[in-house]
PDB file of N, CA and C in Angstrom:
ATOM      1  N   MET A   1       6.169  12.794   3.752  1.00  0.00           N
ATOM      2  CA  MET A   1       5.471  12.079   2.710  1.00  0.00           C
ATOM      3  C   MET A   1       4.144  12.777   2.459  1.00  0.00           C
ATOM      4  N   ARG A   2       3.823  13.038   1.229  1.00  0.00           N
ATOM      5  CA  ARG A   2       2.556  13.671   0.895  1.00  0.00           C
ATOM      6  C   ARG A   2       1.439  12.647   0.784  1.00  0.00           C
ATOM      7  N   SER A   3       0.208  13.106   1.062  1.00  0.00           N
ATOM      8  CA  SER A   3      -0.928  12.186   1.070  1.00  0.00           C
ATOM      9  C   SER A   3      -1.155  11.530  -0.280  1.00  0.00           C
ATOM     10  N   SER A   4      -0.781  12.195  -1.362  1.00  0.00           N
ATOM     11  CA  SER A   4      -1.001  11.613  -2.680  1.00  0.00           C
ATOM     12  C   SER A   4      -0.074  10.434  -2.933  1.00  0.00           C
ATOM     13  N   GLN A   5       0.916  10.213  -2.072  1.00  0.00           N
ATOM     14  CA  GLN A   5       1.875   9.145  -2.288  1.00  0.00           C
ATOM     15  C   GLN A   5       1.388   7.795  -1.779  1.00  0.00           C
ATOM     16  N   PHE A   6       0.379   7.777  -0.941  1.00  0.00           N
ATOM     17  CA  PHE A   6      -0.129   6.485  -0.513  1.00  0.00           C
ATOM     18  C   PHE A   6      -1.632   6.547  -0.272  1.00  0.00           C
ATOM     19  N   LYS A   7      -2.240   5.418  -0.501  1.00  0.00           N
ATOM     20  CA  LYS A   7      -3.686   5.307  -0.384  1.00  0.00           C
ATOM     21  C   LYS A   7      -4.004   4.177   0.591  1.00  0.00           C
ATOM     22  N   ILE A   8      -4.990   4.406   1.425  1.00  0.00           N
ATOM     23  CA  ILE A   8      -5.444   3.391   2.369  1.00  0.00           C
ATOM     24  C   ILE A   8      -6.881   3.030   2.023  1.00  0.00           C
ATOM     25  N   VAL A   9      -7.133   1.746   1.858  1.00  0.00           N
ATOM     26  CA  VAL A   9      -8.493   1.262   1.662  1.00  0.00           C
ATOM     27  C   VAL A   9      -8.998   0.824   3.030  1.00  0.00           C
ATOM     28  N   LEU A  10     -10.068   1.439   3.479  1.00  0.00           N
ATOM     29  CA  LEU A  10     -10.631   1.126   4.785  1.00  0.00           C
ATOM     30  C   LEU A  10     -12.021   0.541   4.571  1.00  0.00           C
ATOM     31  N   GLU A  11     -12.197  -0.681   5.013  1.00  0.00           N
ATOM     32  CA  GLU A  11     -13.490  -1.350   4.860  1.00  0.00           C
ATOM     33  C   GLU A  11     -14.337  -1.068   6.091  1.00  0.00           C
ATOM     34  N   GLY A  12     -15.406  -0.324   5.911  1.00  0.00           N
ATOM     35  CA  GLY A  12     -16.287   0.065   7.005  1.00  0.00           C
ATOM     36  C   GLY A  12     -16.215   1.562   7.238  1.00  0.00           C
ATOM     37  N   THR A  13     -16.784   1.976   8.357  1.00  0.00           N
ATOM     38  CA  THR A  13     -16.874   3.408   8.663  1.00  0.00           C
ATOM     39  C   THR A  13     -15.610   3.962   9.306  1.00  0.00           C
ATOM     40  N   GLY A  14     -14.756   3.087   9.792  1.00  0.00           N
ATOM     41  CA  GLY A  14     -13.576   3.529  10.530  1.00  0.00           C
ATOM     42  C   GLY A  14     -13.832   3.625  12.021  1.00  0.00           C
ATOM     43  N   LYS A  15     -15.077   3.400  12.426  1.00  0.00           N
ATOM     44  CA  LYS A  15     -15.405   3.437  13.855  1.00  0.00           C
ATOM     45  C   LYS A  15     -15.056   2.119  14.546  1.00  0.00           C
ATOM     46  N   GLN A  16     -14.811   1.071  13.759  1.00  0.00           N
ATOM     47  CA  GLN A  16     -14.440  -0.202  14.361  1.00  0.00           C
ATOM     48  C   GLN A  16     -13.093  -0.040  15.079  1.00  0.00           C
ATOM     49  N   THR A  17     -12.923  -0.778  16.162  1.00  0.00           N
ATOM     50  CA  THR A  17     -11.719  -0.632  16.979  1.00  0.00           C
ATOM     51  C   THR A  17     -10.844  -1.878  16.893  1.00  0.00           C
ATOM     52  N   ARG A  18      -9.577  -1.658  17.144  1.00  0.00           N
ATOM     53  CA  ARG A  18      -8.595  -2.733  17.191  1.00  0.00           C
ATOM     54  C   ARG A  18      -7.651  -2.443  18.356  1.00  0.00           C
ATOM     55  N   ASP A  19      -6.896  -3.448  18.720  1.00  0.00           N
ATOM     56  CA  ASP A  19      -5.951  -3.357  19.834  1.00  0.00           C
ATOM     57  C   ASP A  19      -4.551  -3.513  19.244  1.00  0.00           C
ATOM     58  N   PHE A  20      -3.879  -2.384  19.027  1.00  0.00           N
ATOM     59  CA  PHE A  20      -2.573  -2.384  18.377  1.00  0.00           C
ATOM     60  C   PHE A  20      -1.457  -2.545  19.398  1.00  0.00           C
ATOM     61  N   VAL A  21      -0.468  -3.359  19.051  1.00  0.00           N
ATOM     62  CA  VAL A  21       0.681  -3.582  19.931  1.00  0.00           C
ATOM     63  C   VAL A  21       1.942  -3.502  19.081  1.00  0.00           C
ATOM     64  N   TYR A  22       2.970  -2.895  19.616  1.00  0.00           N
ATOM     65  CA  TYR A  22       4.224  -2.692  18.891  1.00  0.00           C
ATOM     66  C   TYR A  22       5.001  -4.000  18.796  1.00  0.00           C
ATOM     67  N   VAL A  23       5.671  -4.189  17.704  1.00  0.00           N
ATOM     68  CA  VAL A  23       6.326  -5.467  17.408  1.00  0.00           C
ATOM     69  C   VAL A  23       7.373  -5.852  18.459  1.00  0.00           C
ATOM     70  N   SER A  24       8.125  -4.906  18.991  1.00  0.00           N
ATOM     71  CA  SER A  24       9.142  -5.275  19.993  1.00  0.00           C
ATOM     72  C   SER A  24       8.488  -5.799  21.270  1.00  0.00           C
ATOM     73  N   ASP A  25       7.298  -5.322  21.587  1.00  0.00           N
ATOM     74  CA  ASP A  25       6.567  -5.849  22.744  1.00  0.00           C
ATOM     75  C   ASP A  25       6.123  -7.285  22.496  1.00  0.00           C
ATOM     76  N   VAL A  26       5.707  -7.579  21.274  1.00  0.00           N
ATOM     77  CA  VAL A  26       5.304  -8.946  20.928  1.00  0.00           C
ATOM     78  C   VAL A  26       6.508  -9.883  21.033  1.00  0.00           C
ATOM     79  N   VAL A  27       7.638  -9.448  20.530  1.00  0.00           N
ATOM     80  CA  VAL A  27       8.852 -10.276  20.595  1.00  0.00           C
ATOM     81  C   VAL A  27       9.229 -10.545  22.048  1.00  0.00           C
ATOM     82  N   GLU A  28       9.173  -9.519  22.880  1.00  0.00           N
ATOM     83  CA  GLU A  28       9.490  -9.719  24.302  1.00  0.00           C
ATOM     84  C   GLU A  28       8.539 -10.728  24.942  1.00  0.00           C
ATOM     85  N   ALA A  29       7.259 -10.645  24.621  1.00  0.00           N
ATOM     86  CA  ALA A  29       6.280 -11.587  25.174  1.00  0.00           C
ATOM     87  C   ALA A  29       6.575 -13.012  24.717  1.00  0.00           C
ATOM     88  N   LEU A  30       6.940 -13.181  23.462  1.00  0.00           N
ATOM     89  CA  LEU A  30       7.267 -14.515  22.944  1.00  0.00           C
ATOM     90  C   LEU A  30       8.494 -15.094  23.642  1.00  0.00           C
ATOM     91  N   VAL A  31       9.492 -14.277  23.870  1.00  0.00           N
ATOM     92  CA  VAL A  31      10.693 -14.735  24.583  1.00  0.00           C
ATOM     93  C   VAL A  31      10.323 -15.143  26.007  1.00  0.00           C
ATOM     94  N   ARG A  32       9.486 -14.361  26.656  1.00  0.00           N
ATOM     95  CA  ARG A  32       9.057 -14.720  28.010  1.00  0.00           C
ATOM     96  C   ARG A  32       8.286 -16.036  28.012  1.00  0.00           C
ATOM     97  N   CYS A  33       7.465 -16.253  27.003  1.00  0.00           N
ATOM     98  CA  CYS A  33       6.737 -17.532  26.901  1.00  0.00           C
ATOM     99  C   CYS A  33       7.710 -18.699  26.761  1.00  0.00           C
ATOM    100  N   MET A  34       8.735 -18.534  25.938  1.00  0.00           N
ATOM    101  CA  MET A  34       9.707 -19.612  25.732  1.00  0.00           C
ATOM    102  C   MET A  34      10.485 -19.922  27.003  1.00  0.00           C
ATOM    103  N   ASN A  35      10.679 -18.916  27.843  1.00  0.00           N
ATOM    104  CA  ASN A  35      11.466 -19.092  29.063  1.00  0.00           C
ATOM    105  C   ASN A  35      10.615 -19.339  30.302  1.00  0.00           C
ATOM    106  N   PHE A  36       9.316 -19.460  30.126  1.00  0.00           N
ATOM    107  CA  PHE A  36       8.403 -19.625  31.257  1.00  0.00           C
ATOM    108  C   PHE A  36       8.436 -21.078  31.722  1.00  0.00           C
ATOM    109  N   ASN A  37       8.849 -21.316  32.951  1.00  0.00           N
ATOM    110  CA  ASN A  37       9.040 -22.673  33.463  1.00  0.00           C
ATOM    111  C   ASN A  37       7.928 -23.151  34.391  1.00  0.00           C
ATOM    112  N   ALA A  38       6.952 -22.335  34.646  1.00  0.00           N
ATOM    113  CA  ALA A  38       5.934 -22.694  35.639  1.00  0.00           C
ATOM    114  C   ALA A  38       4.783 -23.493  35.045  1.00  0.00           C
ATOM    115  N   GLY A  39       4.856 -23.841  33.793  1.00  0.00           N
ATOM    116  CA  GLY A  39       3.759 -24.573  33.164  1.00  0.00           C
ATOM    117  C   GLY A  39       2.840 -23.641  32.422  1.00  0.00           C
ATOM    118  N   PHE A  40       2.266 -24.142  31.366  1.00  0.00           N
ATOM    119  CA  PHE A  40       1.421 -23.324  30.505  1.00  0.00           C
ATOM    120  C   PHE A  40       0.028 -23.176  31.103  1.00  0.00           C
ATOM    121  N   HIS A  41      -0.423 -21.948  31.231  1.00  0.00           N
ATOM    122  CA  HIS A  41      -1.779 -21.674  31.692  1.00  0.00           C
ATOM    123  C   HIS A  41      -2.565 -20.845  30.688  1.00  0.00           C
ATOM    124  N   GLY A  42      -1.997 -20.566  29.554  1.00  0.00           N
ATOM    125  CA  GLY A  42      -2.535 -19.680  28.523  1.00  0.00           C
ATOM    126  C   GLY A  42      -3.993 -19.940  28.195  1.00  0.00           C
ATOM    127  N   PRO A  43      -4.524 -19.312  27.192  1.00  0.00           N
ATOM    128  CA  PRO A  43      -3.731 -18.521  26.255  1.00  0.00           C
ATOM    129  C   PRO A  43      -3.359 -17.158  26.834  1.00  0.00           C
ATOM    130  N   TYR A  44      -2.187 -16.708  26.453  1.00  0.00           N
ATOM    131  CA  TYR A  44      -1.720 -15.383  26.846  1.00  0.00           C
ATOM    132  C   TYR A  44      -2.043 -14.431  25.706  1.00  0.00           C
ATOM    133  N   LEU A  45      -2.857 -13.452  26.000  1.00  0.00           N
ATOM    134  CA  LEU A  45      -3.230 -12.476  24.985  1.00  0.00           C
ATOM    135  C   LEU A  45      -2.203 -11.354  25.009  1.00  0.00           C
ATOM    136  N   ILE A  46      -1.556 -11.162  23.885  1.00  0.00           N
ATOM    137  CA  ILE A  46      -0.494 -10.174  23.782  1.00  0.00           C
ATOM    138  C   ILE A  46      -1.035  -9.000  22.972  1.00  0.00           C
ATOM    139  N   ALA A  47      -1.238  -7.891  23.643  1.00  0.00           N
ATOM    140  CA  ALA A  47      -1.857  -6.721  23.039  1.00  0.00           C
ATOM    141  C   ALA A  47      -1.532  -5.512  23.915  1.00  0.00           C
ATOM    142  N   SER A  48      -2.092  -4.368  23.560  1.00  0.00           N
ATOM    143  CA  SER A  48      -1.880  -3.175  24.382  1.00  0.00           C
ATOM    144  C   SER A  48      -2.923  -3.077  25.487  1.00  0.00           C
ATOM    145  N   GLY A  49      -4.061  -3.744  25.282  1.00  0.00           N
ATOM    146  CA  GLY A  49      -5.152  -3.616  26.239  1.00  0.00           C
ATOM    147  C   GLY A  49      -5.955  -2.343  26.037  1.00  0.00           C
ATOM    148  N   GLN A  50      -5.705  -1.628  24.921  1.00  0.00           N
ATOM    149  CA  GLN A  50      -6.410  -0.377  24.641  1.00  0.00           C
ATOM    150  C   GLN A  50      -7.046  -0.438  23.257  1.00  0.00           C
ATOM    151  N   GLU A  51      -8.305  -0.061  23.190  1.00  0.00           N
ATOM    152  CA  GLU A  51      -9.002   0.002  21.911  1.00  0.00           C
ATOM    153  C   GLU A  51      -8.688   1.321  21.217  1.00  0.00           C
ATOM    154  N   THR A  52      -8.477   1.247  19.917  1.00  0.00           N
ATOM    155  CA  THR A  52      -8.281   2.445  19.096  1.00  0.00           C
ATOM    156  C   THR A  52      -9.133   2.286  17.843  1.00  0.00           C
ATOM    157  N   SER A  53      -9.941   3.290  17.548  1.00  0.00           N
ATOM    158  CA  SER A  53     -10.736   3.200  16.318  1.00  0.00           C
ATOM    159  C   SER A  53      -9.806   3.406  15.125  1.00  0.00           C
ATOM    160  N   LEU A  54     -10.197   2.849  14.005  1.00  0.00           N
ATOM    161  CA  LEU A  54      -9.387   3.014  12.799  1.00  0.00           C
ATOM    162  C   LEU A  54      -9.360   4.471  12.366  1.00  0.00           C
ATOM    163  N   ASN A  55     -10.436   5.218  12.608  1.00  0.00           N
ATOM    164  CA  ASN A  55     -10.421   6.652  12.305  1.00  0.00           C
ATOM    165  C   ASN A  55      -9.410   7.384  13.189  1.00  0.00           C
ATOM    166  N   ASP A  56      -9.332   7.009  14.463  1.00  0.00           N
ATOM    167  CA  ASP A  56      -8.328   7.617  15.349  1.00  0.00           C
ATOM    168  C   ASP A  56      -6.918   7.276  14.875  1.00  0.00           C
ATOM    169  N   LEU A  57      -6.716   6.037  14.454  1.00  0.00           N
ATOM    170  CA  LEU A  57      -5.415   5.643  13.930  1.00  0.00           C
ATOM    171  C   LEU A  57      -5.065   6.467  12.690  1.00  0.00           C
ATOM    172  N   LEU A  58      -6.021   6.637  11.779  1.00  0.00           N
ATOM    173  CA  LEU A  58      -5.778   7.439  10.587  1.00  0.00           C
ATOM    174  C   LEU A  58      -5.402   8.875  10.948  1.00  0.00           C
ATOM    175  N   SER A  59      -6.071   9.418  11.950  1.00  0.00           N
ATOM    176  CA  SER A  59      -5.757  10.775  12.403  1.00  0.00           C
ATOM    177  C   SER A  59      -4.323  10.855  12.933  1.00  0.00           C
ATOM    178  N   LYS A  60      -3.918   9.854  13.688  1.00  0.00           N
ATOM    179  CA  LYS A  60      -2.552   9.823  14.215  1.00  0.00           C
ATOM    180  C   LYS A  60      -1.536   9.626  13.082  1.00  0.00           C
ATOM    181  N   LEU A  61      -1.887   8.810  12.111  1.00  0.00           N
ATOM    182  CA  LEU A  61      -1.009   8.619  10.956  1.00  0.00           C
ATOM    183  C   LEU A  61      -0.840   9.919  10.183  1.00  0.00           C
ATOM    184  N   GLU A  62      -1.929  10.657  10.061  1.00  0.00           N
ATOM    185  CA  GLU A  62      -1.869  11.933   9.355  1.00  0.00           C
ATOM    186  C   GLU A  62      -0.874  12.869  10.028  1.00  0.00           C
ATOM    187  N   GLY A  63      -0.859  12.876  11.343  1.00  0.00           N
ATOM    188  CA  GLY A  63       0.083  13.717  12.076  1.00  0.00           C
ATOM    189  C   GLY A  63       1.532  13.310  11.870  1.00  0.00           C
ATOM    190  N   ARG A  64       1.769  12.054  11.601  1.00  0.00           N
ATOM    191  CA  ARG A  64       3.135  11.545  11.431  1.00  0.00           C
ATOM    192  C   ARG A  64       3.601  11.517   9.980  1.00  0.00           C
ATOM    193  N   PHE A  65       2.690  11.192   9.074  1.00  0.00           N
ATOM    194  CA  PHE A  65       3.077  10.943   7.688  1.00  0.00           C
ATOM    195  C   PHE A  65       2.448  11.910   6.688  1.00  0.00           C
ATOM    196  N   GLY A  66       1.547  12.765   7.127  1.00  0.00           N
ATOM    197  CA  GLY A  66       0.737  13.528   6.192  1.00  0.00           C
ATOM    198  C   GLY A  66      -0.530  12.734   5.938  1.00  0.00           C
ATOM    199  N   GLY A  67      -1.554  13.421   5.514  1.00  0.00           N
ATOM    200  CA  GLY A  67      -2.856  12.760   5.375  1.00  0.00           C
ATOM    201  C   GLY A  67      -2.882  11.705   4.290  1.00  0.00           C
ATOM    202  N   PRO A  68      -3.218  10.477   4.655  1.00  0.00           N
ATOM    203  CA  PRO A  68      -3.368   9.454   3.618  1.00  0.00           C
ATOM    204  C   PRO A  68      -4.636   9.697   2.818  1.00  0.00           C
ATOM    205  N   ASN A  69      -4.652   9.216   1.622  1.00  0.00           N
ATOM    206  CA  ASN A  69      -5.840   9.246   0.794  1.00  0.00           C
ATOM    207  C   ASN A  69      -6.657   8.018   1.179  1.00  0.00           C
ATOM    208  N   VAL A  70      -7.763   8.229   1.898  1.00  0.00           N
ATOM    209  CA  VAL A  70      -8.551   7.111   2.405  1.00  0.00           C
ATOM    210  C   VAL A  70      -9.710   6.809   1.465  1.00  0.00           C
ATOM    211  N   ASP A  71      -9.800   5.565   1.081  1.00  0.00           N
ATOM    212  CA  ASP A  71     -10.895   5.081   0.234  1.00  0.00           C
ATOM    213  C   ASP A  71     -11.779   4.191   1.111  1.00  0.00           C
ATOM    214  N   TYR A  72     -12.895   4.755   1.596  1.00  0.00           N
ATOM    215  CA  TYR A  72     -13.827   3.989   2.430  1.00  0.00           C
ATOM    216  C   TYR A  72     -14.644   3.059   1.534  1.00  0.00           C
ATOM    217  N   GLN A  73     -14.634   1.789   1.885  1.00  0.00           N
ATOM    218  CA  GLN A  73     -15.377   0.765   1.157  1.00  0.00           C
ATOM    219  C   GLN A  73     -16.397   0.142   2.114  1.00  0.00           C
ATOM    220  N   PRO A  74     -17.401  -0.535   1.588  1.00  0.00           N
ATOM    221  CA  PRO A  74     -18.356  -1.204   2.479  1.00  0.00           C
ATOM    222  C   PRO A  74     -17.638  -2.221   3.375  1.00  0.00           C
ATOM    223  N   ALA A  75     -18.135  -2.353   4.579  1.00  0.00           N
ATOM    224  CA  ALA A  75     -17.559  -3.327   5.514  1.00  0.00           C
ATOM    225  C   ALA A  75     -17.756  -4.737   4.974  1.00  0.00           C
ATOM    226  N   LYS A  76     -16.803  -5.586   5.270  1.00  0.00           N
ATOM    227  CA  LYS A  76     -16.945  -6.988   4.892  1.00  0.00           C
ATOM    228  C   LYS A  76     -17.951  -7.649   5.829  1.00  0.00           C
ATOM    229  N   ARG A  77     -18.698  -8.558   5.304  1.00  0.00           N
ATOM    230  CA  ARG A  77     -19.669  -9.300   6.103  1.00  0.00           C
ATOM    231  C   ARG A  77     -18.928 -10.056   7.207  1.00  0.00           C
ATOM    232  N   GLY A  78     -19.418  -9.929   8.420  1.00  0.00           N
ATOM    233  CA  GLY A  78     -18.821 -10.628   9.547  1.00  0.00           C
ATOM    234  C   GLY A  78     -17.662  -9.895  10.208  1.00  0.00           C
ATOM    235  N   ASP A  79     -17.328  -8.685   9.723  1.00  0.00           N
ATOM    236  CA  ASP A  79     -16.238  -7.935  10.343  1.00  0.00           C
ATOM    237  C   ASP A  79     -16.570  -7.642  11.806  1.00  0.00           C
ATOM    238  N   ILE A  80     -15.601  -7.751  12.650  1.00  0.00           N
ATOM    239  CA  ILE A  80     -15.787  -7.540  14.079  1.00  0.00           C
ATOM    240  C   ILE A  80     -15.711  -6.039  14.371  1.00  0.00           C
ATOM    241  N   PRO A  81     -16.765  -5.464  14.988  1.00  0.00           N
ATOM    242  CA  PRO A  81     -16.772  -4.022  15.204  1.00  0.00           C
ATOM    243  C   PRO A  81     -15.824  -3.544  16.307  1.00  0.00           C
ATOM    244  N   ARG A  82     -15.579  -4.388  17.309  1.00  0.00           N
ATOM    245  CA  ARG A  82     -14.708  -3.986  18.414  1.00  0.00           C
ATOM    246  C   ARG A  82     -13.747  -5.120  18.727  1.00  0.00           C
ATOM    247  N   MET A  83     -12.489  -4.730  18.989  1.00  0.00           N
ATOM    248  CA  MET A  83     -11.487  -5.725  19.334  1.00  0.00           C
ATOM    249  C   MET A  83     -10.568  -5.137  20.403  1.00  0.00           C
ATOM    250  N   SER A  84     -10.599  -5.718  21.568  1.00  0.00           N
ATOM    251  CA  SER A  84      -9.710  -5.336  22.661  1.00  0.00           C
ATOM    252  C   SER A  84      -9.470  -6.590  23.483  1.00  0.00           C
ATOM    253  N   TYR A  85      -8.296  -6.702  24.052  1.00  0.00           N
ATOM    254  CA  TYR A  85      -7.926  -7.940  24.716  1.00  0.00           C
ATOM    255  C   TYR A  85      -7.582  -7.726  26.183  1.00  0.00           C
ATOM    256  N   ASP A  86      -7.880  -8.729  26.983  1.00  0.00           N
ATOM    257  CA  ASP A  86      -7.537  -8.738  28.400  1.00  0.00           C
ATOM    258  C   ASP A  86      -6.145  -9.353  28.532  1.00  0.00           C
ATOM    259  N   ILE A  87      -5.181  -8.545  28.906  1.00  0.00           N
ATOM    260  CA  ILE A  87      -3.791  -9.005  28.976  1.00  0.00           C
ATOM    261  C   ILE A  87      -3.378  -9.350  30.409  1.00  0.00           C
ATOM    262  N   SER A  88      -4.346  -9.484  31.307  1.00  0.00           N
ATOM    263  CA  SER A  88      -4.036  -9.689  32.730  1.00  0.00           C
ATOM    264  C   SER A  88      -3.275 -10.990  32.996  1.00  0.00           C
ATOM    265  N   LEU A  89      -3.557 -12.065  32.270  1.00  0.00           N
ATOM    266  CA  LEU A  89      -2.840 -13.320  32.498  1.00  0.00           C
ATOM    267  C   LEU A  89      -1.370 -13.192  32.099  1.00  0.00           C
ATOM    268  N   ALA A  90      -1.102 -12.521  30.999  1.00  0.00           N
ATOM    269  CA  ALA A  90       0.285 -12.289  30.581  1.00  0.00           C
ATOM    270  C   ALA A  90       1.004 -11.404  31.600  1.00  0.00           C
ATOM    271  N   LYS A  91       0.303 -10.405  32.121  1.00  0.00           N
ATOM    272  CA  LYS A  91       0.905  -9.545  33.147  1.00  0.00           C
ATOM    273  C   LYS A  91       1.244 -10.350  34.399  1.00  0.00           C
ATOM    274  N   LYS A  92       0.296 -11.166  34.819  1.00  0.00           N
ATOM    275  CA  LYS A  92       0.453 -11.913  36.072  1.00  0.00           C
ATOM    276  C   LYS A  92       1.496 -13.019  35.954  1.00  0.00           C
ATOM    277  N   GLU A  93       1.358 -13.886  34.960  1.00  0.00           N
ATOM    278  CA  GLU A  93       2.216 -15.069  34.902  1.00  0.00           C
ATOM    279  C   GLU A  93       3.541 -14.823  34.183  1.00  0.00           C
ATOM    280  N   LEU A  94       3.511 -14.059  33.119  1.00  0.00           N
ATOM    281  CA  LEU A  94       4.744 -13.807  32.370  1.00  0.00           C
ATOM    282  C   LEU A  94       5.467 -12.562  32.868  1.00  0.00           C
ATOM    283  N   ARG A  95       4.788 -11.808  33.722  1.00  0.00           N
ATOM    284  CA  ARG A  95       5.304 -10.518  34.184  1.00  0.00           C
ATOM    285  C   ARG A  95       5.639  -9.636  32.975  1.00  0.00           C
ATOM    286  N   TRP A  96       4.715  -9.657  32.027  1.00  0.00           N
ATOM    287  CA  TRP A  96       4.858  -8.897  30.788  1.00  0.00           C
ATOM    288  C   TRP A  96       3.749  -7.877  30.671  1.00  0.00           C
ATOM    289  N   GLU A  97       4.102  -6.734  30.160  1.00  0.00           N
ATOM    290  CA  GLU A  97       3.118  -5.760  29.734  1.00  0.00           C
ATOM    291  C   GLU A  97       3.751  -4.902  28.656  1.00  0.00           C
ATOM    292  N   PRO A  98       2.936  -4.316  27.793  1.00  0.00           N
ATOM    293  CA  PRO A  98       3.499  -3.534  26.701  1.00  0.00           C
ATOM    294  C   PRO A  98       4.228  -2.299  27.224  1.00  0.00           C
ATOM    295  N   LYS A  99       5.317  -1.983  26.554  1.00  0.00           N
ATOM    296  CA  LYS A  99       6.097  -0.804  26.934  1.00  0.00           C
ATOM    297  C   LYS A  99       5.913   0.333  25.933  1.00  0.00           C
ATOM    298  N   ILE A 100       5.629  -0.024  24.695  1.00  0.00           N
ATOM    299  CA  ILE A 100       5.527   0.977  23.626  1.00  0.00           C
ATOM    300  C   ILE A 100       4.054   1.173  23.273  1.00  0.00           C
ATOM    301  N   MET A 101       3.514   2.300  23.682  1.00  0.00           N
ATOM    302  CA  MET A 101       2.114   2.596  23.368  1.00  0.00           C
ATOM    303  C   MET A 101       1.999   3.135  21.938  1.00  0.00           C
ATOM    304  N   LEU A 102       0.794   3.266  21.466  1.00  0.00           N
ATOM    305  CA  LEU A 102       0.526   3.569  20.065  1.00  0.00           C
ATOM    306  C   LEU A 102       1.268   4.817  19.573  1.00  0.00           C
ATOM    307  N   GLU A 103       1.186   5.912  20.294  1.00  0.00           N
ATOM    308  CA  GLU A 103       1.841   7.157  19.851  1.00  0.00           C
ATOM    309  C   GLU A 103       3.345   6.951  19.669  1.00  0.00           C
ATOM    310  N   GLU A 104       3.978   6.320  20.633  1.00  0.00           N
ATOM    311  CA  GLU A 104       5.426   6.070  20.546  1.00  0.00           C
ATOM    312  C   GLU A 104       5.732   5.094  19.417  1.00  0.00           C
ATOM    313  N   GLY A 105       4.905   4.077  19.248  1.00  0.00           N
ATOM    314  CA  GLY A 105       5.108   3.128  18.160  1.00  0.00           C
ATOM    315  C   GLY A 105       5.006   3.793  16.798  1.00  0.00           C
ATOM    316  N   LEU A 106       4.045   4.705  16.651  1.00  0.00           N
ATOM    317  CA  LEU A 106       3.915   5.434  15.388  1.00  0.00           C
ATOM    318  C   LEU A 106       5.107   6.353  15.168  1.00  0.00           C
ATOM    319  N   LYS A 107       5.585   6.972  16.234  1.00  0.00           N
ATOM    320  CA  LYS A 107       6.772   7.833  16.136  1.00  0.00           C
ATOM    321  C   LYS A 107       7.974   7.012  15.650  1.00  0.00           C
ATOM    322  N   ARG A 108       8.189   5.864  16.265  1.00  0.00           N
ATOM    323  CA  ARG A 108       9.311   5.013  15.866  1.00  0.00           C
ATOM    324  C   ARG A 108       9.152   4.509  14.428  1.00  0.00           C
ATOM    325  N   THR A 109       7.926   4.174  14.062  1.00  0.00           N
ATOM    326  CA  THR A 109       7.675   3.703  12.702  1.00  0.00           C
ATOM    327  C   THR A 109       7.929   4.820  11.695  1.00  0.00           C
ATOM    328  N   ALA A 110       7.498   6.040  12.025  1.00  0.00           N
ATOM    329  CA  ALA A 110       7.726   7.188  11.131  1.00  0.00           C
ATOM    330  C   ALA A 110       9.223   7.442  10.963  1.00  0.00           C
ATOM    331  N   GLU A 111       9.980   7.367  12.065  1.00  0.00           N
ATOM    332  CA  GLU A 111      11.431   7.569  11.983  1.00  0.00           C
ATOM    333  C   GLU A 111      12.066   6.501  11.109  1.00  0.00           C
ATOM    334  N   TRP A 112      11.650   5.250  11.296  1.00  0.00           N
ATOM    335  CA  TRP A 112      12.182   4.162  10.477  1.00  0.00           C
ATOM    336  C   TRP A 112      11.826   4.391   9.005  1.00  0.00           C
ATOM    337  N   TRP A 113      10.590   4.794   8.747  1.00  0.00           N
ATOM    338  CA  TRP A 113      10.137   4.996   7.376  1.00  0.00           C
ATOM    339  C   TRP A 113      10.964   6.088   6.679  1.00  0.00           C
ATOM    340  N   ARG A 114      11.266   7.157   7.410  1.00  0.00           N
ATOM    341  CA  ARG A 114      12.069   8.239   6.839  1.00  0.00           C
ATOM    342  C   ARG A 114      13.483   7.739   6.501  1.00  0.00           C
ATOM    343  N   GLU A 115      14.007   6.852   7.322  1.00  0.00           N
ATOM    344  CA  GLU A 115      15.346   6.317   7.080  1.00  0.00           C
ATOM    345  C   GLU A 115      15.397   5.418   5.836  1.00  0.00           C
ATOM    346  N   VAL A 116      14.370   4.633   5.621  1.00  0.00           N
ATOM    347  CA  VAL A 116      14.396   3.680   4.508  1.00  0.00           C
ATOM    348  C   VAL A 116      13.818   4.254   3.215  1.00  0.00           C
ATOM    349  N   SER A 117      13.152   5.384   3.286  1.00  0.00           N
ATOM    350  CA  SER A 117      12.531   5.972   2.082  1.00  0.00           C
ATOM    351  C   SER A 117      13.530   6.819   1.323  1.00  0.00           C
TER     352      SER A 117
END
C-alpha cells in the first residue's frame, strides 16, 4: 500500500504513549473472566503492559504498510500524555498475559489487510 492511499490525523506531537494489546489477547482475557470461579477481585486491566509512543507506532506501521501521510493537529485539551497499565492482577488471578506483542500484531494485521484489500 502506498502512503498516498491513506492519511492519519494525529492529535498532538506523537510523543504521547498508549498501551496496545492485540484483539485475540483481549478475547482470551474476557473468556477467562467469564470462567473465573474464585470471585471477582478486579478491575482486571487487560493490556500489553508496555508503553508505545504514537510516533513509534507510526514508524512500525510505515515498515508494514508504507509510510502513511500524517497530518499532525493540535492536541485535544485534556489528552492524556502517557498510558500504560499494570496487568499484574490479571496475570495472578486469571493466569492471563498477552501473547501477541505489538510487532507480531502489526504483522498479522498487515497480512490480514493484504488478504482483504
